[in-house]
Amino acid sequence: MWALGQDCVSACPMGHYAEEFRCEQCLWGCANCESRDTCDVCRDGYTLTDSGKCVSDCPKENYYKDLEENVCKQCPEGCGRCAFDEAHGKPLCFDCINESFKLTPNFRCV
């Protein structure tokens, strides 16, 4: 049994996680979580990062929002900035991280 406010429940509801016989609320933006620091599913308007946080925007450098999975993913190798291309279902690079990579006409850094 878990304490949820003044009630006892057999399982913590969505948006809460179990800790020391209590149901604690997930962090803001998180719809479901395993622990205080690890979110599984984000609320509408938020995107899941690779570190298990829900953010309103993915980090601008070296990350893009995968619209199909609603998660922030790292840009492909060599890419400095990129965005998800819905038509092709993959990220496209806008620039490369340094001069050792060259941006190709099909928006890849090689």
N, C-alpha and C. Protein backbone atom coordinates (compact mmCIF):
# COMPACT_ATOMS: atom_id res chain seq x y z
N MET A 1 0.83 -1.19 0.00
CA MET A 1 0.00 0.00 0.00
C MET A 1 0.88 1.25 0.00
N TRP A 2 0.39 2.25 -0.68
CA TRP A 2 1.11 3.52 -0.79
C TRP A 2 0.23 4.66 -0.30
N ALA A 3 0.85 5.63 0.34
CA ALA A 3 0.11 6.80 0.80
C ALA A 3 0.04 7.82 -0.33
N LEU A 4 -1.17 8.28 -0.62
CA LEU A 4 -1.41 9.32 -1.61
C LEU A 4 -2.26 10.37 -0.92
N GLY A 5 -1.60 11.42 -0.45
CA GLY A 5 -2.30 12.42 0.37
C GLY A 5 -2.75 11.76 1.65
N GLN A 6 -4.04 11.79 1.93
CA GLN A 6 -4.60 11.17 3.14
C GLN A 6 -5.12 9.75 2.88
N ASP A 7 -5.02 9.28 1.61
CA ASP A 7 -5.55 7.97 1.23
C ASP A 7 -4.44 6.94 1.09
N CYS A 8 -4.84 5.67 1.15
CA CYS A 8 -3.93 4.55 0.85
C CYS A 8 -4.37 3.94 -0.46
N VAL A 9 -3.40 3.70 -1.35
CA VAL A 9 -3.70 3.13 -2.65
C VAL A 9 -2.81 1.93 -2.89
N SER A 10 -3.27 0.99 -3.73
CA SER A 10 -2.49 -0.21 -4.01
C SER A 10 -1.39 0.06 -5.03
N ALA A 11 -1.54 1.11 -5.82
CA ALA A 11 -0.52 1.50 -6.80
C ALA A 11 -0.60 3.01 -6.99
N CYS A 12 0.53 3.61 -7.25
CA CYS A 12 0.55 5.05 -7.50
C CYS A 12 -0.09 5.35 -8.85
N PRO A 13 -0.91 6.38 -8.94
CA PRO A 13 -1.56 6.70 -10.22
C PRO A 13 -0.58 7.35 -11.20
N MET A 14 -1.04 7.46 -12.44
CA MET A 14 -0.26 8.12 -13.48
C MET A 14 0.12 9.52 -12.99
N GLY A 15 1.36 9.92 -13.28
CA GLY A 15 1.83 11.23 -12.84
C GLY A 15 2.46 11.22 -11.47
N HIS A 16 2.60 10.02 -10.89
CA HIS A 16 3.21 9.84 -9.57
C HIS A 16 4.18 8.67 -9.61
N TYR A 17 5.10 8.62 -8.68
CA TYR A 17 6.03 7.50 -8.53
C TYR A 17 6.06 7.10 -7.06
N ALA A 18 6.44 5.86 -6.81
CA ALA A 18 6.47 5.33 -5.44
C ALA A 18 7.84 5.58 -4.81
N GLU A 19 7.81 6.12 -3.59
CA GLU A 19 9.05 6.35 -2.84
C GLU A 19 8.75 6.28 -1.35
N GLU A 20 9.43 5.36 -0.67
CA GLU A 20 9.30 5.22 0.78
C GLU A 20 7.84 5.18 1.23
N PHE A 21 7.05 4.30 0.62
CA PHE A 21 5.65 4.07 0.98
C PHE A 21 4.73 5.25 0.70
N ARG A 22 5.19 6.19 -0.13
CA ARG A 22 4.37 7.34 -0.51
C ARG A 22 4.35 7.45 -2.04
N CYS A 23 3.28 8.03 -2.54
CA CYS A 23 3.22 8.39 -3.96
C CYS A 23 3.61 9.85 -4.07
N GLU A 24 4.67 10.12 -4.80
CA GLU A 24 5.15 11.49 -5.01
C GLU A 24 4.83 11.91 -6.43
N GLN A 25 4.53 13.18 -6.61
CA GLN A 25 4.17 13.69 -7.92
C GLN A 25 5.42 13.84 -8.80
N CYS A 26 5.27 13.48 -10.08
CA CYS A 26 6.34 13.66 -11.05
C CYS A 26 6.63 15.14 -11.23
N LEU A 27 7.81 15.44 -11.74
CA LEU A 27 8.18 16.83 -12.01
C LEU A 27 7.26 17.44 -13.06
N TRP A 28 7.20 18.78 -13.07
CA TRP A 28 6.36 19.51 -14.01
C TRP A 28 6.68 19.10 -15.44
N GLY A 29 5.66 18.90 -16.25
CA GLY A 29 5.84 18.53 -17.64
C GLY A 29 5.85 17.03 -17.87
N CYS A 30 5.97 16.28 -16.79
CA CYS A 30 6.07 14.82 -16.89
C CYS A 30 4.70 14.18 -16.63
N ALA A 31 4.24 13.33 -17.53
CA ALA A 31 2.95 12.66 -17.37
C ALA A 31 3.10 11.37 -16.57
N ASN A 32 4.23 10.70 -16.71
CA ASN A 32 4.49 9.46 -15.97
C ASN A 32 5.99 9.34 -15.74
N CYS A 33 6.37 8.87 -14.53
CA CYS A 33 7.79 8.80 -14.21
C CYS A 33 8.10 7.57 -13.37
N GLU A 34 9.35 7.14 -13.42
CA GLU A 34 9.85 6.03 -12.60
C GLU A 34 10.35 6.53 -11.27
N SER A 35 10.90 7.74 -11.27
CA SER A 35 11.46 8.35 -10.07
C SER A 35 11.37 9.86 -10.23
N ARG A 36 11.83 10.58 -9.24
CA ARG A 36 11.78 12.04 -9.30
C ARG A 36 12.54 12.58 -10.50
N ASP A 37 13.64 11.92 -10.88
CA ASP A 37 14.52 12.43 -11.93
C ASP A 37 14.38 11.74 -13.27
N THR A 38 13.49 10.75 -13.39
CA THR A 38 13.40 10.00 -14.64
C THR A 38 11.96 9.92 -15.13
N CYS A 39 11.68 10.65 -16.19
CA CYS A 39 10.35 10.68 -16.79
C CYS A 39 10.28 9.65 -17.92
N ASP A 40 9.12 9.00 -18.05
CA ASP A 40 8.89 8.04 -19.14
C ASP A 40 8.09 8.67 -20.27
N VAL A 41 7.10 9.48 -19.89
CA VAL A 41 6.18 10.09 -20.84
C VAL A 41 5.97 11.54 -20.44
N CYS A 42 5.99 12.43 -21.42
CA CYS A 42 5.78 13.86 -21.14
C CYS A 42 4.33 14.26 -21.40
N ARG A 43 3.93 15.32 -20.74
CA ARG A 43 2.61 15.92 -20.99
C ARG A 43 2.63 16.58 -22.36
N ASP A 44 1.44 16.88 -22.88
CA ASP A 44 1.34 17.59 -24.17
C ASP A 44 2.12 18.89 -24.10
N GLY A 45 2.83 19.19 -25.16
CA GLY A 45 3.61 20.42 -25.22
C GLY A 45 5.03 20.27 -24.70
N TYR A 46 5.38 19.07 -24.19
CA TYR A 46 6.72 18.82 -23.68
C TYR A 46 7.34 17.66 -24.45
N THR A 47 8.67 17.64 -24.49
CA THR A 47 9.41 16.63 -25.23
C THR A 47 10.40 15.96 -24.29
N LEU A 48 10.55 14.65 -24.42
CA LEU A 48 11.44 13.87 -23.56
C LEU A 48 12.88 13.96 -24.06
N THR A 49 13.81 14.25 -23.13
CA THR A 49 15.24 14.28 -23.48
C THR A 49 15.86 12.91 -23.21
N ASP A 50 17.08 12.71 -23.70
CA ASP A 50 17.76 11.44 -23.46
C ASP A 50 18.14 11.24 -21.99
N SER A 51 18.05 12.29 -21.19
CA SER A 51 18.34 12.17 -19.76
C SER A 51 17.06 11.97 -18.93
N GLY A 52 15.91 11.80 -19.60
CA GLY A 52 14.67 11.53 -18.90
C GLY A 52 13.96 12.75 -18.35
N LYS A 53 14.24 13.91 -18.90
CA LYS A 53 13.58 15.16 -18.49
C LYS A 53 12.58 15.58 -19.56
N CYS A 54 11.56 16.33 -19.16
CA CYS A 54 10.60 16.88 -20.11
C CYS A 54 10.89 18.37 -20.28
N VAL A 55 11.05 18.78 -21.52
CA VAL A 55 11.39 20.18 -21.81
C VAL A 55 10.41 20.73 -22.84
N SER A 56 10.23 22.06 -22.81
CA SER A 56 9.33 22.67 -23.79
C SER A 56 10.01 22.79 -25.16
N ASP A 57 11.35 22.89 -25.17
CA ASP A 57 12.12 22.93 -26.41
C ASP A 57 13.38 22.09 -26.25
N CYS A 58 13.75 21.39 -27.30
CA CYS A 58 15.01 20.64 -27.28
C CYS A 58 16.18 21.61 -27.28
N PRO A 59 17.32 21.21 -26.71
CA PRO A 59 18.50 22.07 -26.78
C PRO A 59 18.80 22.44 -28.24
N LYS A 60 19.18 23.68 -28.48
CA LYS A 60 19.38 24.17 -29.87
C LYS A 60 20.61 23.56 -30.53
N GLU A 61 21.68 23.40 -29.77
CA GLU A 61 22.92 22.87 -30.34
C GLU A 61 22.95 21.34 -30.27
N ASN A 62 23.14 20.71 -31.41
CA ASN A 62 23.38 19.29 -31.52
C ASN A 62 22.18 18.40 -31.17
N TYR A 63 20.96 18.96 -31.10
CA TYR A 63 19.76 18.17 -30.84
C TYR A 63 18.64 18.60 -31.77
N TYR A 64 17.70 17.69 -32.00
CA TYR A 64 16.50 17.99 -32.77
C TYR A 64 15.33 17.25 -32.14
N LYS A 65 14.12 17.70 -32.44
CA LYS A 65 12.92 17.04 -31.93
C LYS A 65 12.45 16.04 -32.97
N ASP A 66 12.45 14.76 -32.59
CA ASP A 66 11.93 13.70 -33.45
C ASP A 66 10.40 13.76 -33.32
N LEU A 67 9.73 14.24 -34.35
CA LEU A 67 8.29 14.45 -34.30
C LEU A 67 7.50 13.15 -34.24
N GLU A 68 8.07 12.07 -34.75
CA GLU A 68 7.37 10.79 -34.72
C GLU A 68 7.36 10.18 -33.32
N GLU A 69 8.46 10.33 -32.58
CA GLU A 69 8.57 9.73 -31.24
C GLU A 69 8.40 10.74 -30.11
N ASN A 70 8.33 12.04 -30.44
CA ASN A 70 8.24 13.13 -29.47
C ASN A 70 9.36 13.08 -28.43
N VAL A 71 10.58 12.90 -28.91
CA VAL A 71 11.76 12.90 -28.05
C VAL A 71 12.84 13.78 -28.69
N CYS A 72 13.72 14.33 -27.83
CA CYS A 72 14.88 15.06 -28.32
C CYS A 72 15.97 14.04 -28.63
N LYS A 73 16.55 14.14 -29.80
CA LYS A 73 17.64 13.23 -30.18
C LYS A 73 18.84 14.04 -30.60
N GLN A 74 20.01 13.44 -30.45
CA GLN A 74 21.23 14.09 -30.90
C GLN A 74 21.28 14.11 -32.42
N CYS A 75 21.81 15.21 -32.95
CA CYS A 75 22.01 15.29 -34.39
C CYS A 75 22.96 14.19 -34.84
N PRO A 76 22.91 13.83 -36.11
CA PRO A 76 23.85 12.82 -36.62
C PRO A 76 25.31 13.27 -36.42
N GLU A 77 26.21 12.32 -36.45
CA GLU A 77 27.63 12.60 -36.24
C GLU A 77 28.12 13.70 -37.18
N GLY A 78 28.85 14.65 -36.61
CA GLY A 78 29.42 15.74 -37.38
C GLY A 78 28.52 16.95 -37.52
N CYS A 79 27.26 16.79 -37.21
CA CYS A 79 26.26 17.86 -37.36
C CYS A 79 26.32 18.82 -36.18
N GLY A 80 26.30 20.12 -36.46
CA GLY A 80 26.24 21.11 -35.40
C GLY A 80 24.81 21.46 -35.04
N ARG A 81 24.01 21.77 -36.04
CA ARG A 81 22.58 22.06 -35.87
C ARG A 81 21.82 21.26 -36.91
N CYS A 82 20.65 20.75 -36.50
CA CYS A 82 19.85 19.97 -37.42
C CYS A 82 18.38 20.09 -37.05
N ALA A 83 17.51 19.59 -37.92
CA ALA A 83 16.07 19.56 -37.68
C ALA A 83 15.50 18.31 -38.32
N PHE A 84 14.39 17.86 -37.78
CA PHE A 84 13.72 16.67 -38.30
C PHE A 84 12.97 17.02 -39.58
N ASP A 85 13.19 16.23 -40.62
CA ASP A 85 12.51 16.42 -41.89
C ASP A 85 11.38 15.39 -41.97
N GLU A 86 10.14 15.87 -41.81
CA GLU A 86 8.98 14.97 -41.81
C GLU A 86 8.83 14.21 -43.12
N ALA A 87 9.11 14.86 -44.23
CA ALA A 87 8.95 14.23 -45.54
C ALA A 87 9.83 13.00 -45.70
N HIS A 88 11.05 13.06 -45.13
CA HIS A 88 11.99 11.95 -45.27
C HIS A 88 12.12 11.12 -44.00
N GLY A 89 11.53 11.59 -42.90
CA GLY A 89 11.57 10.85 -41.64
C GLY A 89 12.95 10.76 -41.01
N LYS A 90 13.78 11.78 -41.25
CA LYS A 90 15.13 11.77 -40.67
C LYS A 90 15.61 13.21 -40.47
N PRO A 91 16.66 13.39 -39.67
CA PRO A 91 17.17 14.75 -39.45
C PRO A 91 18.03 15.22 -40.62
N LEU A 92 17.99 16.54 -40.84
CA LEU A 92 18.84 17.18 -41.85
C LEU A 92 19.76 18.15 -41.14
N CYS A 93 21.03 18.16 -41.55
CA CYS A 93 22.02 19.06 -40.95
C CYS A 93 21.97 20.43 -41.62
N PHE A 94 22.12 21.48 -40.80
CA PHE A 94 22.22 22.85 -41.31
C PHE A 94 23.67 23.31 -41.37
N ASP A 95 24.47 22.82 -40.43
CA ASP A 95 25.91 23.11 -40.44
C ASP A 95 26.64 21.98 -39.74
N CYS A 96 27.95 21.94 -39.95
CA CYS A 96 28.79 20.89 -39.36
C CYS A 96 29.55 21.44 -38.16
N ILE A 97 29.99 20.54 -37.27
CA ILE A 97 30.61 20.98 -36.02
C ILE A 97 31.98 21.62 -36.21
N ASN A 98 32.70 21.24 -37.26
CA ASN A 98 34.00 21.87 -37.54
C ASN A 98 34.39 21.64 -38.99
N GLU A 99 35.55 22.17 -39.37
CA GLU A 99 35.99 22.12 -40.77
C GLU A 99 36.37 20.72 -41.24
N SER A 100 36.55 19.78 -40.32
CA SER A 100 36.88 18.42 -40.76
C SER A 100 35.67 17.71 -41.37
N PHE A 101 34.48 18.27 -41.16
CA PHE A 101 33.26 17.74 -41.78
C PHE A 101 32.80 18.71 -42.86
N LYS A 102 32.25 18.17 -43.92
CA LYS A 102 31.72 18.99 -45.01
C LYS A 102 30.22 18.72 -45.15
N LEU A 103 29.45 19.79 -45.35
CA LEU A 103 28.01 19.67 -45.54
C LEU A 103 27.73 19.30 -46.99
N THR A 104 27.02 18.19 -47.18
CA THR A 104 26.72 17.72 -48.54
C THR A 104 25.42 18.36 -49.03
N PRO A 105 25.15 18.28 -50.34
CA PRO A 105 23.90 18.83 -50.88
C PRO A 105 22.63 18.18 -50.30
N ASN A 106 22.77 16.94 -49.78
CA ASN A 106 21.60 16.29 -49.17
C ASN A 106 21.59 16.47 -47.64
N PHE A 107 22.25 17.55 -47.17
CA PHE A 107 22.21 17.98 -45.77
C PHE A 107 22.74 16.95 -44.78
N ARG A 108 23.90 16.37 -45.11
CA ARG A 108 24.61 15.47 -44.21
C ARG A 108 26.03 16.02 -44.03
N CYS A 109 26.63 15.74 -42.88
CA CYS A 109 28.03 16.12 -42.66
C CYS A 109 28.89 14.86 -42.78
N VAL A 110 29.85 14.93 -43.70
CA VAL A 110 30.72 13.77 -43.94
C VAL A 110 32.18 14.18 -43.83
